[in-house]
Amino acid sequence: MDLHGAFHVYDTTLRDGAQQEGLNLSVADKLAIARQLDGLGVGFIEGGWPGSNPKDTEFFRRAATELDLRHARLAAFGATRRAGVRAADDPLVAALRDSGAGVVTLVAKSHDRHVELALRTTLEENLAMVRDTVTHLREEGQTVFLDAEHFFDGYRANRAYALEVLRTAAEAGAEVVALCDTNGGMLPDWVSDVVLDVIETTGTRVGIHAHNDSGCAVANSLAAVAAGASHVQGCINGYGERTGNADLVTVVANLETKLDRSVLPAGLLREATRIAHAVAEVTNVPPASRQPYVGTSAFAHKAGLHASAIKVDPDLYQHLDPLVVGNDMRLLVSDMAGRASIELKGRELGYDLSDDRELVTRVTDRVKQMEQRGYTFEAADASFELLLAEEVEGARPSYFDVESWRVITETRVDGEAISEATVKLRAPGAELARRQEEASRSRGLGSDAPADERPVSRPATEGVRYVVTGEGNGPVNALDAALREAIGQAFPEVAKFELIDYKVRILDPSLPGGHGTDAITRVLIETSDGESSWVTVGVGANVIEASWGALVDGLTFGLRRHHR
């Protein structure tokens, strides 16, 4: 990698990002994230601070044999030597030297008050600490970057000293001096002025490390690049302490798509959405739906006016083709939907509604009526698909007939509350279900068949009657258990289905029948079959009734998907 000519994309998720509240990464997590970051094509991955804690030391030990990086170089983070100690004798510097990382990023004080109050040493000794540590590591064959901590605040307080710290590092052999907005309080114009001054005054190669406390981390990073910075640091998904670091994906997407800067290997920006979500899975921090470029809502369209325009040309309401970053356009169905929204959403689900104005109008009106009663389809695509299938195919997809259900909750003598649910329904016997499935396959009526010829299982009244009781730690859990056990006897694939998310909302009391504690309840349930997931919605006078509706839709949709 050409350290002098290439633009540096430097990821600090594994170190600075890991300081986010509630984020706790194991060594295995860090190795997994490093592989994903390498797949995005970043130039440098900061793995942590070896010597400061056992986890980061172990990460670098394992990385030496377990990481096969194709695009990135691993960087170790650490501090300059302690005051009054030679760099060669400082154990933390030794940990950097022995980490196996080819690149070391040193954090150094560049704010005079921090030197005197935090380090409790002199300004001259701080410069000596910078010089000695950079020189020592360079002599050991490592590339050195310097993070000038609190640089912008230090520049305002004592410009001459802040610049002298940078000069000292560069003269000792630091390849890059990264200006850190450690407190995150800068604005773009301020950053531009400082970066320009630093480059003109010192001639050093400048980087930017921005925090988001003012909501400007990405903008400040772009302003620094526009002013001449050629090294940008950030975290994927904007992780980091307090309000986070600059979101590295947003920064590089802006540089590549808006400013025509090739900062990642060709074609890898298309991996951005997949990788951002994959990292979120490892961190167990849910992806932000409204995250620029890679969020699930980044290219989602709700208003009917937007949909009408998108039908003509998708670019009319999108700032770029979502495929550029590996994302996709989504049409949301809601009470704001017009005919174009329904038509486009139908096309997305495999239905051509363009020649049936009456059907589109009927679906549109039905959606608006249901949303007025409390339903929401923008977050429940599966329930909308069932509704649309019912209108197109003439009957609601059904694999079982519910006779009745009930649920009770009791508190036992030991104080534990247990719920018990009983579900009575009719479904095809196991042998009948198997024959129906074989018949469907033999006719070739899968998802590619015309809509009016697709098999829709509608249990006959002579189907097997199942009466099942289930227990759970709550009424919904008990209902779910009983319903699955009953249906699972006819459709064994239900065993794969798992409820993975459950949301309850008490709706506006102004809705019909809603007032005080009697207000209408809406429930959203996400179900998974281990390969994908889908969301269904239920609305009712109470949380149990609403939950039942969402549960039934969730299992129906899953069976429909498996029997196409």
Protein backbone atom coordinates (compact mmCIF):
# COMPACT_ATOMS: atom_id res chain seq x y z
CA MET A 1 0.00 0.00 0.00
CA ASP A 2 1.37 3.42 -0.97
CA LEU A 3 1.35 5.28 2.34
CA HIS A 4 2.39 8.52 0.68
CA GLY A 5 0.02 8.71 -2.28
CA ALA A 6 -3.09 6.72 -1.36
CA PHE A 7 -6.11 8.15 0.41
CA HIS A 8 -6.41 6.44 3.78
CA VAL A 9 -9.72 5.01 4.95
CA TYR A 10 -9.00 4.11 8.57
CA ASP A 11 -11.53 2.20 10.66
CA THR A 12 -11.43 2.42 14.46
CA THR A 13 -14.55 0.38 15.25
CA LEU A 14 -12.63 -2.23 17.24
CA ARG A 15 -11.08 0.39 19.51
CA ASP A 16 -12.91 3.71 19.59
CA GLY A 17 -16.23 2.22 18.45
CA ALA A 18 -16.04 -0.42 21.17
CA GLN A 19 -16.26 2.38 23.75
CA GLN A 20 -19.95 2.80 22.91
CA GLU A 21 -22.25 2.37 25.88
CA GLY A 22 -23.65 -1.16 25.97
CA LEU A 23 -21.28 -2.50 23.32
CA ASN A 24 -19.03 -5.31 24.54
CA LEU A 25 -16.97 -7.22 21.99
CA SER A 26 -15.25 -10.53 22.60
CA VAL A 27 -12.01 -11.42 20.82
CA ALA A 28 -14.02 -13.64 18.46
CA ASP A 29 -16.38 -10.72 17.77
CA LYS A 30 -13.46 -8.45 16.93
CA LEU A 31 -11.95 -11.00 14.56
CA ALA A 32 -15.31 -11.44 12.82
CA ILE A 33 -15.79 -7.67 12.44
CA ALA A 34 -12.24 -7.25 11.13
CA ARG A 35 -12.98 -9.72 8.34
CA GLN A 36 -16.12 -7.79 7.40
CA LEU A 37 -14.26 -4.47 7.39
CA ASP A 38 -11.61 -5.96 5.14
CA GLY A 39 -14.40 -7.02 2.79
CA LEU A 40 -15.46 -3.38 2.54
CA GLY A 41 -11.94 -2.50 1.44
CA VAL A 42 -10.87 -0.12 4.21
CA GLY A 43 -7.13 0.57 4.23
CA PHE A 44 -6.51 0.26 7.96
CA ILE A 45 -8.24 -1.55 10.81
CA GLU A 46 -7.38 -0.35 14.30
CA GLY A 47 -7.56 -3.53 16.35
CA GLY A 48 -7.28 -2.12 19.85
CA TRP A 49 -4.71 -1.17 22.49
CA PRO A 50 -2.35 -4.10 23.17
CA GLY A 51 -0.94 -4.09 26.67
CA SER A 52 -3.78 -2.03 28.11
CA ASN A 53 -6.11 -5.01 28.60
CA PRO A 54 -5.89 -8.79 28.10
CA LYS A 55 -8.62 -8.85 25.43
CA ASP A 56 -6.79 -6.53 23.03
CA THR A 57 -3.47 -8.28 23.63
CA GLU A 58 -5.15 -11.59 22.82
CA PHE A 59 -6.75 -10.11 19.70
CA PHE A 60 -3.38 -9.20 18.20
CA ARG A 61 -1.94 -12.60 19.14
CA ARG A 62 -4.76 -14.42 17.37
CA ALA A 63 -4.92 -11.99 14.46
CA ALA A 64 -1.39 -12.98 13.48
CA THR A 65 -2.58 -16.47 12.52
CA GLU A 66 -6.36 -16.15 12.10
CA LEU A 67 -6.74 -12.99 9.98
CA ASP A 68 -5.95 -13.13 6.29
CA LEU A 69 -6.56 -9.53 5.27
CA ARG A 70 -6.76 -8.81 1.56
CA HIS A 71 -7.16 -5.04 1.59
CA ALA A 72 -6.48 -3.68 5.07
CA ARG A 73 -3.42 -3.36 7.29
CA LEU A 74 -3.84 -3.96 11.00
CA ALA A 75 -3.01 -1.02 13.26
CA ALA A 76 -2.26 -1.12 16.98
CA PHE A 77 -3.31 1.85 19.10
CA GLY A 78 -1.36 3.15 22.06
CA ALA A 79 0.02 6.20 23.84
CA THR A 80 3.35 7.94 23.81
CA ARG A 81 5.78 6.90 26.55
CA ARG A 82 5.28 8.05 30.10
CA ALA A 83 6.99 11.19 31.33
CA GLY A 84 10.54 10.57 32.56
CA VAL A 85 10.82 7.08 31.00
CA ARG A 86 12.66 6.13 27.81
CA ALA A 87 10.39 4.78 25.08
CA ALA A 88 12.54 1.66 24.82
CA ASP A 89 11.88 0.96 28.51
CA ASP A 90 8.15 1.69 28.64
CA PRO A 91 6.12 -1.58 28.90
CA LEU A 92 3.13 -0.17 27.00
CA VAL A 93 5.37 0.93 24.15
CA ALA A 94 6.90 -2.54 24.21
CA ALA A 95 3.41 -4.02 23.80
CA LEU A 96 2.96 -1.93 20.66
CA ARG A 97 6.37 -2.99 19.39
CA ASP A 98 5.60 -6.66 20.03
CA SER A 99 1.99 -6.63 18.79
CA GLY A 100 2.88 -7.83 15.30
CA ALA A 101 1.02 -4.86 13.78
CA GLY A 102 2.87 -3.11 10.98
CA VAL A 103 1.19 0.17 11.81
CA VAL A 104 1.04 1.91 15.20
CA THR A 105 -1.26 4.83 15.92
CA LEU A 106 -0.02 6.88 18.87
CA VAL A 107 -2.31 9.18 20.78
CA ALA A 108 -0.54 12.34 21.99
CA LYS A 109 -1.66 15.43 23.86
CA SER A 110 -1.83 18.54 21.70
CA HIS A 111 -3.82 20.74 24.10
CA ASP A 112 -1.51 22.56 26.54
CA ARG A 113 -3.97 22.37 29.45
CA HIS A 114 -4.32 18.61 29.00
CA VAL A 115 -0.54 18.24 29.10
CA GLU A 116 -0.28 20.17 32.34
CA LEU A 117 -3.46 18.94 34.07
CA ALA A 118 -3.95 15.38 32.75
CA LEU A 119 -0.37 14.27 32.10
CA ARG A 120 0.98 16.50 34.87
CA THR A 121 4.14 17.24 32.99
CA THR A 122 5.70 20.14 31.12
CA LEU A 123 5.02 21.17 27.56
CA GLU A 124 8.67 20.46 26.70
CA GLU A 125 8.53 16.94 28.16
CA ASN A 126 5.36 16.21 26.19
CA LEU A 127 7.20 17.08 22.97
CA ALA A 128 10.06 14.81 24.04
CA MET A 129 7.58 11.99 24.69
CA VAL A 130 6.20 12.37 21.17
CA ARG A 131 9.64 12.55 19.56
CA ASP A 132 11.14 9.65 21.51
CA THR A 133 8.20 7.26 20.99
CA VAL A 134 7.77 7.92 17.26
CA THR A 135 11.53 7.61 16.69
CA HIS A 136 11.77 4.36 18.64
CA LEU A 137 8.91 2.65 16.83
CA ARG A 138 10.17 3.83 13.45
CA GLU A 139 13.58 2.38 14.24
CA GLU A 140 11.83 -0.89 15.05
CA GLY A 141 10.42 -0.92 11.50
CA GLN A 142 6.85 0.12 12.22
CA THR A 143 4.82 2.76 10.41
CA VAL A 144 3.56 5.42 12.82
CA PHE A 145 0.46 7.60 12.67
CA LEU A 146 -0.20 10.22 15.34
CA ASP A 147 -3.63 11.01 16.77
CA ALA A 148 -3.39 14.57 18.07
CA GLU A 149 -5.95 14.36 20.88
CA HIS A 150 -8.15 17.42 21.55
CA PHE A 151 -6.34 19.11 18.68
CA PHE A 152 -9.03 21.60 17.67
CA ASP A 153 -9.64 22.77 21.23
CA GLY A 154 -5.88 22.92 21.78
CA TYR A 155 -5.42 24.90 18.56
CA ARG A 156 -7.88 27.51 19.76
CA ALA A 157 -6.23 27.74 23.17
CA ASN A 158 -2.58 27.73 22.03
CA ARG A 159 -2.14 27.49 18.28
CA ALA A 160 1.66 27.61 18.37
CA TYR A 161 1.97 24.67 20.76
CA ALA A 162 -0.63 22.51 19.00
CA LEU A 163 1.22 22.99 15.71
CA GLU A 164 4.55 22.24 17.37
CA VAL A 165 3.26 18.84 18.50
CA LEU A 166 2.44 18.02 14.87
CA ARG A 167 5.83 19.21 13.61
CA THR A 168 7.64 17.18 16.24
CA ALA A 169 5.78 14.00 15.27
CA ALA A 170 6.32 14.52 11.55
CA GLU A 171 10.04 15.27 11.97
CA ALA A 172 10.43 12.09 14.05
CA GLY A 173 8.90 10.03 11.23
CA ALA A 174 5.12 9.96 11.69
CA GLU A 175 3.51 9.36 8.29
CA VAL A 176 0.21 11.05 9.21
CA VAL A 177 -0.94 13.44 11.92
CA ALA A 178 -4.67 12.98 12.52
CA LEU A 179 -6.44 16.02 13.97
CA CYS A 180 -8.90 14.80 16.60
CA ASP A 181 -12.12 16.60 17.45
CA THR A 182 -12.17 14.58 20.65
CA ASN A 183 -15.07 16.44 22.26
CA GLY A 184 -17.03 16.53 19.00
CA GLY A 185 -17.94 20.20 19.20
CA MET A 186 -16.59 21.52 15.89
CA LEU A 187 -18.54 22.74 12.86
CA PRO A 188 -17.52 22.21 9.21
CA ASP A 189 -16.32 25.75 8.44
CA TRP A 190 -14.18 25.77 11.57
CA VAL A 191 -12.63 22.43 10.61
CA SER A 192 -11.84 23.67 7.09
CA ASP A 193 -10.05 26.76 8.38
CA VAL A 194 -7.91 24.78 10.82
CA VAL A 195 -6.97 22.03 8.36
CA LEU A 196 -5.95 24.58 5.74
CA ASP A 197 -3.79 26.40 8.28
CA VAL A 198 -2.15 23.17 9.49
CA ILE A 199 -1.25 22.04 5.96
CA GLU A 200 0.07 25.45 4.91
CA THR A 201 2.03 25.97 8.12
CA THR A 202 3.52 22.53 8.77
CA GLY A 203 3.45 20.75 5.40
CA THR A 204 2.49 17.50 7.17
CA ARG A 205 0.11 14.88 5.89
CA VAL A 206 -3.16 15.50 7.73
CA GLY A 207 -5.96 13.17 8.80
CA ILE A 208 -9.29 13.79 10.53
CA HIS A 209 -10.84 11.99 13.49
CA ALA A 210 -14.29 13.40 14.22
CA HIS A 211 -16.81 12.70 16.97
CA ASN A 212 -20.50 13.42 16.52
CA ASP A 213 -21.45 15.43 19.61
CA SER A 214 -22.54 18.38 17.45
CA GLY A 215 -24.16 16.09 14.87
CA CYS A 216 -21.48 17.09 12.37
CA ALA A 217 -18.97 14.21 12.42
CA VAL A 218 -19.57 13.22 8.79
CA ALA A 219 -19.78 16.83 7.60
CA ASN A 220 -16.61 17.72 9.53
CA SER A 221 -14.79 14.77 7.99
CA LEU A 222 -15.83 15.84 4.48
CA ALA A 223 -14.85 19.45 5.22
CA ALA A 224 -11.40 18.27 6.31
CA VAL A 225 -10.97 16.25 3.13
CA ALA A 226 -12.07 19.23 1.02
CA ALA A 227 -9.42 21.31 2.80
CA GLY A 228 -6.68 18.80 2.02
CA ALA A 229 -6.85 15.95 4.54
CA SER A 230 -6.02 12.60 2.92
CA HIS A 231 -6.63 10.28 5.86
CA VAL A 232 -10.10 9.87 7.39
CA GLN A 233 -10.96 7.91 10.51
CA GLY A 234 -14.36 6.65 11.59
CA CYS A 235 -16.42 3.69 12.75
CA ILE A 236 -18.82 1.55 10.78
CA ASN A 237 -22.43 2.38 11.71
CA GLY A 238 -21.18 5.44 13.59
CA TYR A 239 -20.32 3.48 16.73
CA GLY A 240 -18.40 5.22 19.50
CA GLU A 241 -18.68 6.74 22.94
CA ARG A 242 -21.32 9.37 23.73
CA THR A 243 -22.97 10.17 20.37
CA GLY A 244 -20.48 8.18 18.33
CA ASN A 245 -17.74 8.70 15.77
CA ALA A 246 -18.12 9.65 12.13
CA ASP A 247 -20.02 6.90 10.32
CA LEU A 248 -17.32 5.58 8.02
CA VAL A 249 -19.77 4.13 5.49
CA THR A 250 -21.53 7.49 5.10
CA VAL A 251 -18.20 9.28 4.73
CA VAL A 252 -16.83 6.95 2.04
CA ALA A 253 -20.17 6.77 0.21
CA ASN A 254 -20.24 10.56 0.01
CA LEU A 255 -16.64 10.71 -1.14
CA GLU A 256 -17.19 8.09 -3.85
CA THR A 257 -20.66 8.98 -5.11
CA LYS A 258 -20.78 12.75 -4.57
CA LEU A 259 -17.16 13.87 -4.84
CA ASP A 260 -15.94 11.25 -7.32
CA ARG A 261 -13.09 10.17 -5.05
CA SER A 262 -12.09 6.51 -5.44
CA VAL A 263 -11.26 5.73 -1.82
CA LEU A 264 -12.22 2.02 -1.76
CA PRO A 265 -11.20 -0.77 -4.15
CA ALA A 266 -13.39 -0.82 -7.25
CA GLY A 267 -16.81 -2.38 -6.71
CA LEU A 268 -16.60 -2.84 -2.94
CA LEU A 269 -18.93 0.04 -2.08
CA ARG A 270 -21.71 -2.31 -3.25
CA GLU A 271 -20.94 -4.42 -0.17
CA ALA A 272 -21.65 -1.53 2.23
CA THR A 273 -25.22 -2.42 3.21
CA ARG A 274 -24.52 -6.11 3.69
CA ILE A 275 -21.41 -5.45 5.75
CA ALA A 276 -22.98 -2.70 7.88
CA HIS A 277 -25.81 -5.07 8.80
CA ALA A 278 -23.48 -8.03 9.31
CA VAL A 279 -21.41 -6.01 11.78
CA ALA A 280 -24.60 -4.95 13.56
CA GLU A 281 -25.45 -8.62 14.01
CA VAL A 282 -22.09 -9.25 15.66
CA THR A 283 -22.34 -6.22 17.96
CA ASN A 284 -25.97 -7.04 18.79
CA VAL A 285 -26.83 -3.38 18.23
CA PRO A 286 -29.92 -3.19 15.96
CA PRO A 287 -29.16 -1.41 12.68
CA ALA A 288 -30.52 2.13 12.53
CA SER A 289 -33.30 2.03 9.94
CA ARG A 290 -32.73 5.69 9.04
CA GLN A 291 -28.97 5.38 8.64
CA PRO A 292 -27.87 7.13 5.42
CA TYR A 293 -27.19 4.90 2.44
CA VAL A 294 -27.45 1.53 4.23
CA GLY A 295 -30.52 1.86 6.49
CA THR A 296 -33.63 -0.11 5.63
CA SER A 297 -35.52 3.19 5.33
CA ALA A 298 -32.82 4.96 3.31
CA PHE A 299 -34.67 4.31 0.04
CA ALA A 300 -38.17 3.67 1.39
CA HIS A 301 -41.07 5.62 -0.12
CA LYS A 302 -44.41 6.10 1.57
CA ALA A 303 -46.34 9.03 0.13
CA GLY A 304 -48.52 8.37 -2.90
CA LEU A 305 -47.05 11.41 -4.68
CA HIS A 306 -43.56 9.90 -4.40
CA ALA A 307 -44.76 6.54 -5.67
CA SER A 308 -46.43 8.13 -8.69
CA ALA A 309 -43.17 9.82 -9.62
CA ILE A 310 -41.08 6.71 -8.94
CA LYS A 311 -43.34 4.75 -11.25
CA VAL A 312 -42.15 7.06 -14.04
CA ASP A 313 -38.51 7.33 -12.94
CA PRO A 314 -37.10 6.05 -9.62
CA ASP A 315 -34.43 8.76 -9.63
CA LEU A 316 -37.03 11.50 -9.21
CA TYR A 317 -37.18 10.85 -5.44
CA GLN A 318 -33.82 9.17 -4.83
CA HIS A 319 -30.43 10.83 -4.65
CA LEU A 320 -28.73 7.77 -6.19
CA ASP A 321 -29.38 4.21 -7.27
CA PRO A 322 -29.53 2.20 -4.00
CA LEU A 323 -27.70 -0.69 -5.68
CA VAL A 324 -24.55 1.45 -5.65
CA VAL A 325 -24.30 0.78 -1.90
CA GLY A 326 -25.93 -2.64 -2.01
CA ASN A 327 -29.30 -1.39 -0.75
CA ASP A 328 -32.72 -1.56 -2.39
CA MET A 329 -35.76 0.63 -2.91
CA ARG A 330 -38.79 -0.19 -0.76
CA LEU A 331 -42.41 0.86 -1.21
CA LEU A 332 -44.29 1.35 2.04
CA VAL A 333 -48.02 0.77 2.11
CA SER A 334 -49.97 3.07 4.44
CA ASP A 335 -52.98 5.34 4.61
CA MET A 336 -50.92 7.80 2.58
CA ALA A 337 -50.68 5.27 -0.25
CA GLY A 338 -52.10 6.07 -3.63
CA ARG A 339 -52.85 3.76 -6.53
CA ALA A 340 -49.23 3.97 -7.73
CA SER A 341 -47.92 2.82 -4.33
CA ILE A 342 -50.19 -0.24 -4.37
CA GLU A 343 -49.33 -1.05 -7.98
CA LEU A 344 -45.58 -0.79 -7.36
CA LYS A 345 -45.78 -2.76 -4.13
CA GLY A 346 -47.79 -5.43 -5.91
CA ARG A 347 -45.11 -5.67 -8.59
CA GLU A 348 -42.49 -6.02 -5.87
CA LEU A 349 -44.46 -8.97 -4.47
CA GLY A 350 -44.91 -10.63 -7.87
CA TYR A 351 -48.35 -9.32 -8.89
CA ASP A 352 -48.92 -7.31 -12.07
CA LEU A 353 -51.80 -5.00 -11.20
CA SER A 354 -51.27 -2.48 -14.00
CA ASP A 355 -54.30 -3.60 -16.03
CA ASP A 356 -56.80 -3.91 -13.19
CA ARG A 357 -57.77 -0.43 -12.02
CA GLU A 358 -60.77 -1.74 -10.08
CA LEU A 359 -58.59 -4.15 -8.08
CA VAL A 360 -55.99 -1.48 -7.31
CA THR A 361 -58.71 0.90 -6.16
CA ARG A 362 -60.28 -1.79 -3.97
CA VAL A 363 -56.94 -2.63 -2.32
CA THR A 364 -56.11 1.03 -1.83
CA ASP A 365 -59.44 1.75 -0.18
CA ARG A 366 -59.19 -1.33 2.02
CA VAL A 367 -55.69 -0.38 3.21
CA LYS A 368 -56.83 3.11 4.13
CA GLN A 369 -59.88 1.79 5.98
CA MET A 370 -57.81 -0.71 7.94
CA GLU A 371 -55.16 1.85 8.83
CA GLN A 372 -57.91 4.10 10.12
CA ARG A 373 -58.82 1.26 12.50
CA GLY A 374 -55.23 1.02 13.74
CA TYR A 375 -53.43 -1.33 11.35
CA THR A 376 -50.08 -0.39 9.85
CA PHE A 377 -48.69 -2.08 6.76
CA GLU A 378 -45.51 -0.09 6.20
CA ALA A 379 -43.85 -2.18 8.92
CA ALA A 380 -45.78 -5.38 8.21
CA ASP A 381 -45.13 -6.44 4.63
CA ALA A 382 -46.22 -10.00 5.32
CA SER A 383 -49.71 -8.98 6.45
CA PHE A 384 -50.04 -6.76 3.39
CA GLU A 385 -49.02 -9.62 1.10
CA LEU A 386 -51.73 -11.80 2.65
CA LEU A 387 -54.27 -9.01 2.12
CA LEU A 388 -53.18 -8.55 -1.48
CA ALA A 389 -53.27 -12.29 -2.13
CA GLU A 390 -56.82 -12.42 -0.79
CA GLU A 391 -57.94 -9.67 -3.17
CA VAL A 392 -56.10 -11.08 -6.20
CA GLU A 393 -56.80 -14.78 -5.65
CA GLY A 394 -60.34 -14.40 -4.32
CA ALA A 395 -59.76 -15.97 -0.92
CA ARG A 396 -57.42 -15.40 1.98
CA PRO A 397 -54.55 -17.93 2.08
CA SER A 398 -55.46 -20.37 4.82
CA TYR A 399 -53.95 -23.59 6.10
CA PHE A 400 -56.12 -24.10 9.16
CA ASP A 401 -59.55 -23.11 10.52
CA VAL A 402 -59.59 -21.78 14.07
CA GLU A 403 -62.57 -22.96 16.08
CA SER A 404 -61.71 -21.11 19.30
CA TRP A 405 -58.89 -20.07 21.60
CA ARG A 406 -58.58 -18.95 25.18
CA VAL A 407 -55.80 -18.07 27.58
CA ILE A 408 -55.62 -17.77 31.37
CA THR A 409 -52.87 -16.56 33.67
CA GLU A 410 -52.59 -17.74 37.25
CA THR A 411 -50.22 -16.96 40.08
CA ARG A 412 -49.06 -20.05 41.89
CA VAL A 413 -48.37 -20.37 45.61
CA ASP A 414 -44.66 -19.74 45.01
CA GLY A 415 -45.50 -16.39 43.42
CA GLU A 416 -44.65 -17.47 39.85
CA ALA A 417 -47.15 -16.40 37.19
CA ILE A 418 -47.85 -19.03 34.52
CA SER A 419 -50.06 -18.67 31.44
CA GLU A 420 -51.96 -21.51 29.84
CA ALA A 421 -53.60 -21.34 26.42
CA THR A 422 -55.98 -23.74 24.70
CA VAL A 423 -56.37 -23.65 20.92
CA LYS A 424 -59.00 -25.60 18.98
CA LEU A 425 -58.65 -25.75 15.21
CA ARG A 426 -59.04 -27.93 12.14
CA ALA A 427 -56.19 -28.60 9.75
CA PRO A 428 -55.37 -31.26 7.19
CA GLY A 429 -54.06 -34.44 8.75
CA ALA A 430 -50.39 -35.05 8.21
CA GLU A 431 -51.06 -37.53 5.39
CA LEU A 432 -53.52 -35.17 3.65
CA ALA A 433 -51.07 -32.25 3.92
CA ARG A 434 -48.34 -34.41 2.40
CA ARG A 435 -50.59 -35.46 -0.52
CA GLN A 436 -51.61 -31.83 -1.17
CA GLU A 437 -47.97 -30.78 -1.27
CA GLU A 438 -47.03 -33.60 -3.65
CA ALA A 439 -49.97 -32.75 -5.88
CA SER A 440 -48.93 -29.11 -6.03
CA ARG A 441 -45.37 -30.05 -6.97
CA SER A 442 -46.49 -32.54 -9.60
CA ARG A 443 -48.61 -29.82 -11.24
CA GLY A 444 -45.63 -27.45 -11.13
CA LEU A 445 -47.72 -24.79 -9.45
CA GLY A 446 -45.03 -22.97 -7.52
CA SER A 447 -44.30 -19.27 -7.17
CA ASP A 448 -43.80 -18.97 -10.95
CA ALA A 449 -47.35 -20.11 -11.70
CA PRO A 450 -50.05 -17.60 -12.59
CA ALA A 451 -51.68 -16.14 -9.48
CA ASP A 452 -55.06 -17.73 -10.17
CA GLU A 453 -53.48 -21.22 -10.50
CA ARG A 454 -51.26 -21.23 -7.41
CA PRO A 455 -52.28 -23.80 -4.81
CA VAL A 456 -53.85 -22.26 -1.75
CA SER A 457 -54.56 -24.78 0.96
CA ARG A 458 -58.06 -24.28 2.32
CA PRO A 459 -58.72 -26.93 4.95
CA ALA A 460 -61.89 -28.84 4.42
CA THR A 461 -64.37 -29.20 7.25
CA GLU A 462 -63.45 -32.87 7.35
CA GLY A 463 -59.88 -31.96 8.34
CA VAL A 464 -58.48 -33.25 11.59
CA ARG A 465 -59.63 -31.43 14.73
CA TYR A 466 -56.79 -30.51 17.08
CA VAL A 467 -57.25 -29.41 20.67
CA VAL A 468 -53.93 -28.36 22.18
CA THR A 469 -52.95 -26.72 25.43
CA GLY A 470 -49.69 -24.83 25.79
CA GLU A 471 -47.91 -23.13 28.66
CA GLY A 472 -45.71 -20.08 28.63
CA ASN A 473 -44.20 -17.32 30.72
CA GLY A 474 -46.91 -15.00 29.41
CA PRO A 475 -50.22 -15.23 27.56
CA VAL A 476 -48.73 -14.56 24.12
CA ASN A 477 -45.97 -17.12 24.66
CA ALA A 478 -48.60 -19.69 25.73
CA LEU A 479 -50.80 -18.96 22.69
CA ASP A 480 -47.80 -19.20 20.39
CA ALA A 481 -46.81 -22.57 21.88
CA ALA A 482 -50.31 -24.03 21.60
CA LEU A 483 -50.88 -22.75 18.06
CA ARG A 484 -47.55 -24.11 16.83
CA GLU A 485 -48.09 -27.51 18.38
CA ALA A 486 -51.53 -27.83 16.81
CA ILE A 487 -50.50 -26.72 13.32
CA GLY A 488 -47.19 -28.52 13.53
CA GLN A 489 -48.98 -31.87 13.54
CA ALA A 490 -50.21 -31.11 10.01
CA PHE A 491 -47.27 -29.02 8.83
CA PRO A 492 -43.98 -30.12 10.46
CA GLU A 493 -42.07 -27.20 8.93
CA VAL A 494 -43.68 -24.96 11.55
CA ALA A 495 -41.04 -26.29 13.94
CA LYS A 496 -38.53 -24.03 12.15
CA PHE A 497 -40.57 -20.89 12.80
CA GLU A 498 -39.50 -18.73 15.70
CA LEU A 499 -40.92 -15.50 17.11
CA ILE A 500 -37.92 -13.16 17.22
CA ASP A 501 -39.45 -9.74 17.95
CA TYR A 502 -42.64 -8.48 19.56
CA LYS A 503 -43.82 -4.88 19.78
CA VAL A 504 -46.95 -3.50 21.44
CA ARG A 505 -48.37 -0.03 21.01
CA ILE A 506 -51.44 1.52 22.59
CA LEU A 507 -53.04 3.59 19.86
CA ASP A 508 -54.52 7.05 19.81
CA PRO A 509 -57.68 7.13 22.00
CA SER A 510 -59.39 9.08 19.22
CA LEU A 511 -59.58 5.89 17.16
CA PRO A 512 -62.98 4.18 17.14
CA GLY A 513 -63.50 2.42 20.47
CA GLY A 514 -60.35 3.82 22.03
CA HIS A 515 -60.40 5.67 25.32
CA GLY A 516 -58.16 5.42 28.38
CA THR A 517 -57.26 1.84 29.29
CA ASP A 518 -59.78 0.63 26.69
CA ALA A 519 -57.74 2.12 23.85
CA ILE A 520 -57.11 0.02 20.76
CA THR A 521 -53.89 -2.05 20.83
CA ARG A 522 -51.60 -2.80 17.90
CA VAL A 523 -49.05 -5.63 17.92
CA LEU A 524 -46.21 -6.25 15.47
CA ILE A 525 -44.61 -9.69 15.46
CA GLU A 526 -41.47 -10.69 13.57
CA THR A 527 -41.14 -14.39 12.73
CA SER A 528 -38.14 -16.22 11.30
CA ASP A 529 -37.65 -19.60 9.66
CA GLY A 530 -33.88 -19.45 10.11
CA GLU A 531 -33.31 -18.15 6.59
CA SER A 532 -35.36 -14.95 6.51
CA SER A 533 -37.90 -13.10 8.63
CA TRP A 534 -41.25 -11.41 8.13
CA VAL A 535 -43.44 -9.02 10.10
CA THR A 536 -47.18 -9.26 10.67
CA VAL A 537 -49.63 -6.95 12.42
CA GLY A 538 -52.67 -7.48 14.59
CA VAL A 539 -55.13 -4.97 16.05
CA GLY A 540 -57.64 -5.59 18.79
CA ALA A 541 -59.47 -4.28 21.82
CA ASN A 542 -56.74 -5.78 24.01
CA VAL A 543 -53.17 -6.96 23.67
CA ILE A 544 -54.10 -10.67 23.60
CA GLU A 545 -56.59 -10.28 20.76
CA ALA A 546 -54.14 -8.15 18.77
CA SER A 547 -51.34 -10.64 19.41
CA TRP A 548 -53.48 -13.54 18.24
CA GLY A 549 -54.15 -11.84 14.91
CA ALA A 550 -50.44 -11.18 14.34
CA LEU A 551 -49.52 -14.75 15.35
CA VAL A 552 -52.02 -16.30 12.94
CA ASP A 553 -50.82 -14.07 10.10
CA GLY A 554 -47.19 -14.91 10.90
CA LEU A 555 -47.74 -18.67 10.70
CA THR A 556 -49.99 -18.36 7.65
CA PHE A 557 -47.41 -16.30 5.79
CA GLY A 558 -44.64 -18.74 6.70
CA LEU A 559 -46.67 -21.72 5.46
CA ARG A 560 -47.57 -19.86 2.27
CA ARG A 561 -43.88 -19.19 1.62
CA HIS A 562 -42.96 -22.85 2.21
CA HIS A 563 -45.80 -24.22 0.08
CA ARG A 564 -45.34 -22.06 -2.98
